Amino acid sequence: MSLKLRFFASLRETLGVAAEDFQLPAGLVTVADLRRHLAARGGAWERLTTADNLRCAVNQDMAGGATVVRDGDEVAFFPPVTGG
């Protein structure tokens, strides 16, 4: 499953990446699955599961951990305040 990942504000700075084309492994279907998978990269990526206030949107709609992701979705991660 192919996703477009986007990272904004301080998260983008911490990870050192603004966007990534990503192939989600079979069996991972929710935003929570995606976050855990990315956090397993270690280092700064662990912030995706340890930051209490991290927000997520799927196709520009706010999403929770149980939100299902589908092929072609855009998934964005950002802190609650992204600036102007």
PDB file of N, CA and C in Angstrom:
ATOM      1  N   MET A   1       0.849  -1.167   0.000  1.00  0.00           N
ATOM      2  CA  MET A   1       0.000   0.000   0.000  1.00  0.00           C
ATOM      3  C   MET A   1       0.897   1.233   0.000  1.00  0.00           C
ATOM      4  N   SER A   2       0.675   2.123  -0.926  1.00  0.00           N
ATOM      5  CA  SER A   2       1.488   3.316  -1.082  1.00  0.00           C
ATOM      6  C   SER A   2       0.814   4.509  -0.405  1.00  0.00           C
ATOM      7  N   LEU A   3       1.571   5.197   0.440  1.00  0.00           N
ATOM      8  CA  LEU A   3       1.087   6.388   1.133  1.00  0.00           C
ATOM      9  C   LEU A   3       2.031   7.548   0.870  1.00  0.00           C
ATOM     10  N   LYS A   4       1.507   8.752   0.985  1.00  0.00           N
ATOM     11  CA  LYS A   4       2.331   9.952   0.964  1.00  0.00           C
ATOM     12  C   LYS A   4       2.341  10.477   2.394  1.00  0.00           C
ATOM     13  N   LEU A   5       3.502  10.488   3.031  1.00  0.00           N
ATOM     14  CA  LEU A   5       3.626  10.991   4.393  1.00  0.00           C
ATOM     15  C   LEU A   5       4.128  12.423   4.360  1.00  0.00           C
ATOM     16  N   ARG A   6       3.583  13.232   5.244  1.00  0.00           N
ATOM     17  CA  ARG A   6       4.031  14.623   5.372  1.00  0.00           C
ATOM     18  C   ARG A   6       4.258  14.922   6.842  1.00  0.00           C
ATOM     19  N   PHE A   7       5.304  15.694   7.111  1.00  0.00           N
ATOM     20  CA  PHE A   7       5.666  16.057   8.476  1.00  0.00           C
ATOM     21  C   PHE A   7       5.802  17.569   8.541  1.00  0.00           C
ATOM     22  N   PHE A   8       5.202  18.186   9.550  1.00  0.00           N
ATOM     23  CA  PHE A   8       5.140  19.642   9.617  1.00  0.00           C
ATOM     24  C   PHE A   8       5.756  20.203  10.896  1.00  0.00           C
ATOM     25  N   ALA A   9       6.149  21.474  10.793  1.00  0.00           N
ATOM     26  CA  ALA A   9       6.612  22.299  11.913  1.00  0.00           C
ATOM     27  C   ALA A   9       7.815  21.649  12.611  1.00  0.00           C
ATOM     28  N   SER A  10       7.811  21.649  13.941  1.00  0.00           N
ATOM     29  CA  SER A  10       8.959  21.149  14.695  1.00  0.00           C
ATOM     30  C   SER A  10       9.208  19.663  14.429  1.00  0.00           C
ATOM     31  N   LEU A  11       8.169  18.919  14.104  1.00  0.00           N
ATOM     32  CA  LEU A  11       8.357  17.502  13.790  1.00  0.00           C
ATOM     33  C   LEU A  11       9.195  17.352  12.519  1.00  0.00           C
ATOM     34  N   ARG A  12       8.921  18.164  11.530  1.00  0.00           N
ATOM     35  CA  ARG A  12       9.715  18.152  10.290  1.00  0.00           C
ATOM     36  C   ARG A  12      11.175  18.454  10.603  1.00  0.00           C
ATOM     37  N   GLU A  13      11.407  19.421  11.458  1.00  0.00           N
ATOM     38  CA  GLU A  13      12.776  19.793  11.821  1.00  0.00           C
ATOM     39  C   GLU A  13      13.469  18.671  12.588  1.00  0.00           C
ATOM     40  N   THR A  14      12.755  18.047  13.496  1.00  0.00           N
ATOM     41  CA  THR A  14      13.326  16.967  14.301  1.00  0.00           C
ATOM     42  C   THR A  14      13.681  15.766  13.441  1.00  0.00           C
ATOM     43  N   LEU A  15      12.795  15.397  12.524  1.00  0.00           N
ATOM     44  CA  LEU A  15      13.017  14.229  11.681  1.00  0.00           C
ATOM     45  C   LEU A  15      13.946  14.512  10.506  1.00  0.00           C
ATOM     46  N   GLY A  16      14.025  15.779  10.115  1.00  0.00           N
ATOM     47  CA  GLY A  16      14.871  16.147   8.984  1.00  0.00           C
ATOM     48  C   GLY A  16      14.268  15.784   7.643  1.00  0.00           C
ATOM     49  N   VAL A  17      12.942  15.633   7.609  1.00  0.00           N
ATOM     50  CA  VAL A  17      12.262  15.282   6.364  1.00  0.00           C
ATOM     51  C   VAL A  17      10.883  15.939   6.354  1.00  0.00           C
ATOM     52  N   ALA A  18      10.486  16.482   5.214  1.00  0.00           N
ATOM     53  CA  ALA A  18       9.169  17.121   5.090  1.00  0.00           C
ATOM     54  C   ALA A  18       8.127  16.178   4.515  1.00  0.00           C
ATOM     55  N   ALA A  19       8.559  15.263   3.649  1.00  0.00           N
ATOM     56  CA  ALA A  19       7.609  14.347   2.996  1.00  0.00           C
ATOM     57  C   ALA A  19       8.344  13.081   2.603  1.00  0.00           C
ATOM     58  N   GLU A  20       7.566  12.025   2.455  1.00  0.00           N
ATOM     59  CA  GLU A  20       8.137  10.735   2.095  1.00  0.00           C
ATOM     60  C   GLU A  20       7.068   9.890   1.400  1.00  0.00           C
ATOM     61  N   ASP A  21       7.434   9.274   0.296  1.00  0.00           N
ATOM     62  CA  ASP A  21       6.585   8.253  -0.304  1.00  0.00           C
ATOM     63  C   ASP A  21       6.879   6.972   0.456  1.00  0.00           C
ATOM     64  N   PHE A  22       5.835   6.280   0.904  1.00  0.00           N
ATOM     65  CA  PHE A  22       6.017   5.180   1.838  1.00  0.00           C
ATOM     66  C   PHE A  22       5.174   3.979   1.434  1.00  0.00           C
ATOM     67  N   GLN A  23       5.759   2.821   1.496  1.00  0.00           N
ATOM     68  CA  GLN A  23       5.049   1.568   1.242  1.00  0.00           C
ATOM     69  C   GLN A  23       4.714   0.935   2.589  1.00  0.00           C
ATOM     70  N   LEU A  24       3.450   0.910   2.939  1.00  0.00           N
ATOM     71  CA  LEU A  24       3.012   0.343   4.204  1.00  0.00           C
ATOM     72  C   LEU A  24       3.001  -1.174   4.097  1.00  0.00           C
ATOM     73  N   PRO A  25       3.701  -1.859   4.987  1.00  0.00           N
ATOM     74  CA  PRO A  25       3.723  -3.328   4.940  1.00  0.00           C
ATOM     75  C   PRO A  25       2.332  -3.925   5.134  1.00  0.00           C
ATOM     76  N   ALA A  26       2.119  -5.086   4.558  1.00  0.00           N
ATOM     77  CA  ALA A  26       0.848  -5.801   4.698  1.00  0.00           C
ATOM     78  C   ALA A  26       0.548  -6.023   6.176  1.00  0.00           C
ATOM     79  N   GLY A  27      -0.722  -5.937   6.515  1.00  0.00           N
ATOM     80  CA  GLY A  27      -1.154  -6.178   7.886  1.00  0.00           C
ATOM     81  C   GLY A  27      -1.220  -4.934   8.746  1.00  0.00           C
ATOM     82  N   LEU A  28      -0.624  -3.848   8.283  1.00  0.00           N
ATOM     83  CA  LEU A  28      -0.706  -2.586   9.016  1.00  0.00           C
ATOM     84  C   LEU A  28      -1.781  -1.750   8.337  1.00  0.00           C
ATOM     85  N   VAL A  29      -2.830  -1.403   9.071  1.00  0.00           N
ATOM     86  CA  VAL A  29      -3.966  -0.769   8.406  1.00  0.00           C
ATOM     87  C   VAL A  29      -4.443   0.528   9.053  1.00  0.00           C
ATOM     88  N   THR A  30      -3.971   0.855  10.249  1.00  0.00           N
ATOM     89  CA  THR A  30      -4.464   2.047  10.933  1.00  0.00           C
ATOM     90  C   THR A  30      -3.349   3.073  11.115  1.00  0.00           C
ATOM     91  N   VAL A  31      -3.748   4.272  11.468  1.00  0.00           N
ATOM     92  CA  VAL A  31      -2.780   5.325  11.781  1.00  0.00           C
ATOM     93  C   VAL A  31      -1.881   4.873  12.934  1.00  0.00           C
ATOM     94  N   ALA A  32      -2.445   4.228  13.938  1.00  0.00           N
ATOM     95  CA  ALA A  32      -1.639   3.742  15.069  1.00  0.00           C
ATOM     96  C   ALA A  32      -0.601   2.725  14.594  1.00  0.00           C
ATOM     97  N   ASP A  33      -0.985   1.822  13.684  1.00  0.00           N
ATOM     98  CA  ASP A  33      -0.032   0.867  13.119  1.00  0.00           C
ATOM     99  C   ASP A  33       1.103   1.604  12.420  1.00  0.00           C
ATOM    100  N   LEU A  34       0.754   2.598  11.634  1.00  0.00           N
ATOM    101  CA  LEU A  34       1.744   3.378  10.896  1.00  0.00           C
ATOM    102  C   LEU A  34       2.695   4.083  11.857  1.00  0.00           C
ATOM    103  N   ARG A  35       2.147   4.709  12.894  1.00  0.00           N
ATOM    104  CA  ARG A  35       2.995   5.415  13.865  1.00  0.00           C
ATOM    105  C   ARG A  35       3.974   4.464  14.532  1.00  0.00           C
ATOM    106  N   ARG A  36       3.505   3.293  14.958  1.00  0.00           N
ATOM    107  CA  ARG A  36       4.391   2.319  15.605  1.00  0.00           C
ATOM    108  C   ARG A  36       5.474   1.838  14.635  1.00  0.00           C
ATOM    109  N   HIS A  37       5.091   1.608  13.400  1.00  0.00           N
ATOM    110  CA  HIS A  37       6.052   1.141  12.397  1.00  0.00           C
ATOM    111  C   HIS A  37       7.138   2.199  12.154  1.00  0.00           C
ATOM    112  N   LEU A  38       6.741   3.439  12.010  1.00  0.00           N
ATOM    113  CA  LEU A  38       7.718   4.504  11.785  1.00  0.00           C
ATOM    114  C   LEU A  38       8.593   4.716  13.022  1.00  0.00           C
ATOM    115  N   ALA A  39       8.008   4.640  14.211  1.00  0.00           N
ATOM    116  CA  ALA A  39       8.758   4.831  15.452  1.00  0.00           C
ATOM    117  C   ALA A  39       9.833   3.753  15.624  1.00  0.00           C
ATOM    118  N   ALA A  40       9.593   2.581  15.065  1.00  0.00           N
ATOM    119  CA  ALA A  40      10.560   1.489  15.166  1.00  0.00           C
ATOM    120  C   ALA A  40      11.861   1.797  14.428  1.00  0.00           C
ATOM    121  N   ARG A  41      11.882   2.851  13.628  1.00  0.00           N
ATOM    122  CA  ARG A  41      13.121   3.282  12.974  1.00  0.00           C
ATOM    123  C   ARG A  41      14.137   3.744  14.016  1.00  0.00           C
ATOM    124  N   GLY A  42      13.630   4.112  15.188  1.00  0.00           N
ATOM    125  CA  GLY A  42      14.500   4.544  16.279  1.00  0.00           C
ATOM    126  C   GLY A  42      14.854   6.015  16.216  1.00  0.00           C
ATOM    127  N   GLY A  43      15.616   6.455  17.181  1.00  0.00           N
ATOM    128  CA  GLY A  43      16.053   7.844  17.249  1.00  0.00           C
ATOM    129  C   GLY A  43      14.885   8.808  17.293  1.00  0.00           C
ATOM    130  N   ALA A  44      14.973   9.876  16.521  1.00  0.00           N
ATOM    131  CA  ALA A  44      13.941  10.919  16.509  1.00  0.00           C
ATOM    132  C   ALA A  44      12.579  10.375  16.103  1.00  0.00           C
ATOM    133  N   TRP A  45      12.555   9.292  15.334  1.00  0.00           N
ATOM    134  CA  TRP A  45      11.290   8.719  14.872  1.00  0.00           C
ATOM    135  C   TRP A  45      10.429   8.215  16.029  1.00  0.00           C
ATOM    136  N   GLU A  46      11.053   7.892  17.149  1.00  0.00           N
ATOM    137  CA  GLU A  46      10.293   7.427  18.303  1.00  0.00           C
ATOM    138  C   GLU A  46       9.307   8.477  18.800  1.00  0.00           C
ATOM    139  N   ARG A  47       9.559   9.705  18.450  1.00  0.00           N
ATOM    140  CA  ARG A  47       8.652  10.791  18.845  1.00  0.00           C
ATOM    141  C   ARG A  47       7.224  10.563  18.329  1.00  0.00           C
ATOM    142  N   LEU A  48       7.092   9.825  17.246  1.00  0.00           N
ATOM    143  CA  LEU A  48       5.759   9.557  16.691  1.00  0.00           C
ATOM    144  C   LEU A  48       4.881   8.767  17.650  1.00  0.00           C
ATOM    145  N   THR A  49       5.473   8.048  18.581  1.00  0.00           N
ATOM    146  CA  THR A  49       4.669   7.314  19.562  1.00  0.00           C
ATOM    147  C   THR A  49       4.801   7.868  20.963  1.00  0.00           C
ATOM    148  N   THR A  50       5.804   8.709  21.208  1.00  0.00           N
ATOM    149  CA  THR A  50       5.998   9.217  22.572  1.00  0.00           C
ATOM    150  C   THR A  50       5.443  10.616  22.786  1.00  0.00           C
ATOM    151  N   ALA A  51       5.223  11.385  21.737  1.00  0.00           N
ATOM    152  CA  ALA A  51       4.695  12.745  21.872  1.00  0.00           C
ATOM    153  C   ALA A  51       3.191  12.680  22.126  1.00  0.00           C
ATOM    154  N   ASP A  52       2.773  13.142  23.293  1.00  0.00           N
ATOM    155  CA  ASP A  52       1.354  13.078  23.668  1.00  0.00           C
ATOM    156  C   ASP A  52       0.467  13.966  22.807  1.00  0.00           C
ATOM    157  N   ASN A  53       0.998  15.067  22.330  1.00  0.00           N
ATOM    158  CA  ASN A  53       0.161  16.050  21.643  1.00  0.00           C
ATOM    159  C   ASN A  53       0.278  16.014  20.120  1.00  0.00           C
ATOM    160  N   LEU A  54       0.910  14.998  19.579  1.00  0.00           N
ATOM    161  CA  LEU A  54       1.081  14.910  18.133  1.00  0.00           C
ATOM    162  C   LEU A  54      -0.267  14.681  17.459  1.00  0.00           C
ATOM    163  N   ARG A  55      -0.537  15.421  16.410  1.00  0.00           N
ATOM    164  CA  ARG A  55      -1.793  15.317  15.656  1.00  0.00           C
ATOM    165  C   ARG A  55      -1.537  14.614  14.335  1.00  0.00           C
ATOM    166  N   CYS A  56      -2.628  14.114  13.755  1.00  0.00           N
ATOM    167  CA  CYS A  56      -2.533  13.409  12.477  1.00  0.00           C
ATOM    168  C   CYS A  56      -3.759  13.745  11.637  1.00  0.00           C
ATOM    169  N   ALA A  57      -3.547  13.816  10.340  1.00  0.00           N
ATOM    170  CA  ALA A  57      -4.654  13.993   9.396  1.00  0.00           C
ATOM    171  C   ALA A  57      -4.459  13.009   8.250  1.00  0.00           C
ATOM    172  N   VAL A  58      -5.559  12.443   7.794  1.00  0.00           N
ATOM    173  CA  VAL A  58      -5.541  11.572   6.621  1.00  0.00           C
ATOM    174  C   VAL A  58      -6.376  12.264   5.552  1.00  0.00           C
ATOM    175  N   ASN A  59      -5.735  12.560   4.439  1.00  0.00           N
ATOM    176  CA  ASN A  59      -6.385  13.290   3.345  1.00  0.00           C
ATOM    177  C   ASN A  59      -7.004  14.601   3.840  1.00  0.00           C
ATOM    178  N   GLN A  60      -6.265  15.283   4.707  1.00  0.00           N
ATOM    179  CA  GLN A  60      -6.600  16.598   5.256  1.00  0.00           C
ATOM    180  C   GLN A  60      -7.787  16.591   6.208  1.00  0.00           C
ATOM    181  N   ASP A  61      -8.184  15.412   6.701  1.00  0.00           N
ATOM    182  CA  ASP A  61      -9.207  15.295   7.741  1.00  0.00           C
ATOM    183  C   ASP A  61      -8.533  14.782   9.001  1.00  0.00           C
ATOM    184  N   MET A  62      -8.806  15.411  10.138  1.00  0.00           N
ATOM    185  CA  MET A  62      -8.227  14.971  11.397  1.00  0.00           C
ATOM    186  C   MET A  62      -8.506  13.484  11.594  1.00  0.00           C
ATOM    187  N   ALA A  63      -7.507  12.774  12.112  1.00  0.00           N
ATOM    188  CA  ALA A  63      -7.608  11.322  12.236  1.00  0.00           C
ATOM    189  C   ALA A  63      -7.075  10.868  13.585  1.00  0.00           C
ATOM    190  N   GLY A  64      -7.665   9.815  14.102  1.00  0.00           N
ATOM    191  CA  GLY A  64      -7.203   9.192  15.333  1.00  0.00           C
ATOM    192  C   GLY A  64      -6.442   7.922  15.022  1.00  0.00           C
ATOM    193  N   GLY A  65      -5.972   7.279  16.062  1.00  0.00           N
ATOM    194  CA  GLY A  65      -5.195   6.060  15.906  1.00  0.00           C
ATOM    195  C   GLY A  65      -5.940   4.943  15.212  1.00  0.00           C
ATOM    196  N   ALA A  66      -7.259   4.886  15.382  1.00  0.00           N
ATOM    197  CA  ALA A  66      -8.050   3.805  14.796  1.00  0.00           C
ATOM    198  C   ALA A  66      -8.442   4.072  13.341  1.00  0.00           C
ATOM    199  N   THR A  67      -8.097   5.251  12.821  1.00  0.00           N
ATOM    200  CA  THR A  67      -8.431   5.579  11.437  1.00  0.00           C
ATOM    201  C   THR A  67      -7.707   4.641  10.480  1.00  0.00           C
ATOM    202  N   VAL A  68      -8.444   4.059   9.571  1.00  0.00           N
ATOM    203  CA  VAL A  68      -7.879   3.137   8.578  1.00  0.00           C
ATOM    204  C   VAL A  68      -7.264   3.950   7.445  1.00  0.00           C
ATOM    205  N   VAL A  69      -6.058   3.548   7.030  1.00  0.00           N
ATOM    206  CA  VAL A  69      -5.410   4.182   5.881  1.00  0.00           C
ATOM    207  C   VAL A  69      -5.545   3.260   4.678  1.00  0.00           C
ATOM    208  N   ARG A  70      -5.671   3.894   3.528  1.00  0.00           N
ATOM    209  CA  ARG A  70      -5.876   3.147   2.286  1.00  0.00           C
ATOM    210  C   ARG A  70      -4.841   3.563   1.246  1.00  0.00           C
ATOM    211  N   ASP A  71      -4.662   2.726   0.267  1.00  0.00           N
ATOM    212  CA  ASP A  71      -3.706   2.994  -0.795  1.00  0.00           C
ATOM    213  C   ASP A  71      -3.944   4.379  -1.382  1.00  0.00           C
ATOM    214  N   GLY A  72      -2.876   5.154  -1.508  1.00  0.00           N
ATOM    215  CA  GLY A  72      -2.956   6.480  -2.097  1.00  0.00           C
ATOM    216  C   GLY A  72      -3.241   7.595  -1.114  1.00  0.00           C
ATOM    217  N   ASP A  73      -3.501   7.267   0.157  1.00  0.00           N
ATOM    218  CA  ASP A  73      -3.805   8.296   1.157  1.00  0.00           C
ATOM    219  C   ASP A  73      -2.593   9.171   1.433  1.00  0.00           C
ATOM    220  N   GLU A  74      -2.879  10.409   1.807  1.00  0.00           N
ATOM    221  CA  GLU A  74      -1.871  11.318   2.323  1.00  0.00           C
ATOM    222  C   GLU A  74      -2.055  11.360   3.833  1.00  0.00           C
ATOM    223  N   VAL A  75      -0.985  11.076   4.566  1.00  0.00           N
ATOM    224  CA  VAL A  75      -1.029  11.074   6.023  1.00  0.00           C
ATOM    225  C   VAL A  75      -0.058  12.134   6.511  1.00  0.00           C
ATOM    226  N   ALA A  76      -0.582  13.093   7.277  1.00  0.00           N
ATOM    227  CA  ALA A  76       0.230  14.191   7.781  1.00  0.00           C
ATOM    228  C   ALA A  76       0.321  14.122   9.292  1.00  0.00           C
ATOM    229  N   PHE A  77       1.516  14.380   9.818  1.00  0.00           N
ATOM    230  CA  PHE A  77       1.757  14.433  11.256  1.00  0.00           C
ATOM    231  C   PHE A  77       2.244  15.828  11.604  1.00  0.00           C
ATOM    232  N   PHE A  78       1.738  16.379  12.714  1.00  0.00           N
ATOM    233  CA  PHE A  78       2.101  17.742  13.087  1.00  0.00           C
ATOM    234  C   PHE A  78       1.793  17.987  14.557  1.00  0.00           C
ATOM    235  N   PRO A  79       2.538  18.923  15.179  1.00  0.00           N
ATOM    236  CA  PRO A  79       2.212  19.323  16.552  1.00  0.00           C
ATOM    237  C   PRO A  79       0.940  20.164  16.530  1.00  0.00           C
ATOM    238  N   PRO A  80       0.309  20.365  17.681  1.00  0.00           N
ATOM    239  CA  PRO A  80      -0.977  21.082  17.691  1.00  0.00           C
ATOM    240  C   PRO A  80      -0.879  22.525  17.214  1.00  0.00           C
ATOM    241  N   VAL A  81       0.275  23.148  17.307  1.00  0.00           N
ATOM    242  CA  VAL A  81       0.434  24.517  16.823  1.00  0.00           C
ATOM    243  C   VAL A  81       1.507  24.500  15.751  1.00  0.00           C
ATOM    244  N   THR A  82       1.132  24.815  14.510  1.00  0.00           N
ATOM    245  CA  THR A  82       2.102  24.762  13.421  1.00  0.00           C
ATOM    246  C   THR A  82       2.592  26.121  12.977  1.00  0.00           C
ATOM    247  N   GLY A  83       2.036  27.178  13.493  1.00  0.00           N
ATOM    248  CA  GLY A  83       2.509  28.504  13.121  1.00  0.00           C
ATOM    249  C   GLY A  83       1.789  29.054  11.900  1.00  0.00           C
ATOM    250  N   GLY A  84       2.220  30.230  11.450  1.00  0.00           N
ATOM    251  CA  GLY A  84       1.521  30.910  10.380  1.00  0.00           C
ATOM    252  C   GLY A  84       2.247  30.994   9.147  1.00  0.00           C
TER     253      GLY A  84
END
